[in-house]
């Protein structure tokens, strides 16, 4: 699914073990450190990367001259030092997060700092070409506000509320985006937008971001739950995203809770999503509360003492907790991260989940897992999209491209 473009012959990489190869490896290590932390002094870069101070100084000087880095004075431990960060002129990343009826697009620098962002409403049944065209329009609106041109976009990450077949890149069913099913989204987006695009399931992207910057830090095995219109899970094992043999790992929303239950969009009956997806929850309240509610309204009413809203949320937490108990029995994570719209319910959802987990899970697995709320909120999927966007234009290739005077926007790894 990765989009690969060949580097010009003049920029072909040297053989492993050569001085130039070592230099590129050291440059990549330094750039990755800046991607991780945003801004560091040269002394901090030396400690973080393990490179000698003189090596760091030489790399910073060369990459500053080439435009990849920018340096500015700062005060560190009472002394004047040089703060180093990646330059906007080195390129920017684009993240596109598709929801059931919305699209959020963000532009960020190579250290994942979001510089501009816009959210628009989409028709539920919009076609893939319409969605991709909207990304292009938003990017073209945002870039001029930053004083940047399209040529500086070096990678795009795109999150979809659907499984992605890693063998073919095709968007699979069930999907919240019917106009995308069967499409190789990464290939079509790369052709449409003219830059390398990587695509993944939105729950996977949420898991990546929470594991890296949010509630997953310090845990080895993490399950991130996205509880919204659709229900999914992203699984991280020892720091690596687990996608399964074809990319559909984590489809917890289609775990069967009642084989004679309501018909699910996937064709089965009684899936978890038919019980706890936001349309199902709002549908339960329509007769008594009307059809104009959003989940935020339900949460506010429940917290204000509305018995019906409280019951609906607590029941949802119970159903999710039963599914999570099965997940823990099989996967045995040390942390469950609750995200998506239903995370707004906080205690109402989590406490109910914990009771079901304690009752339904193997005692050893249930006792070992920690259940927490997502720390990045609605930004989880967007930040995860930036992570895969940078994979389409890796630090090693960016450094090599600059070193060999190759147009960065044309290089991907």
Foldseek 3Di string as FASTA:
>chain_A
DWDADDDPPLLDDDDPPDPRNVLLVLLQLLQVVCLQPVKDFLVVSCVVSVNDSVSSVVSQVVCVVLQQKDWDWDADPNRITIIIHGGCQLAWEKEWEDDQFKIKIFIGHSSLHTDDIDMDTHDNADALVVVLVVNVVVCVVPQVVVVHDLLRHAFFFYAAQAFAFPVQCAGDPPGSHVNRGRHNNQVVSCVVSVHGYDYHHLQQLLVLQCCSPKDNDPWAWEWEWAAELATWIWIHHRNRTDQPDTRPPTNQQQDAPDQPAPQDRRGGHRGLSCLRYQVNLLVVCCVPPNNPDGLVNLLVVVVVPDPSSLVSQLVNLLSVLLSVQVVLQPVLTQEYEYAHPSCVNPPSNPVSSLVNNCVRHDPVSSVRHYYYYIPVHPCSSRSSSRVVRCQQQPSSNSSSCSVSVHSSSSRGD
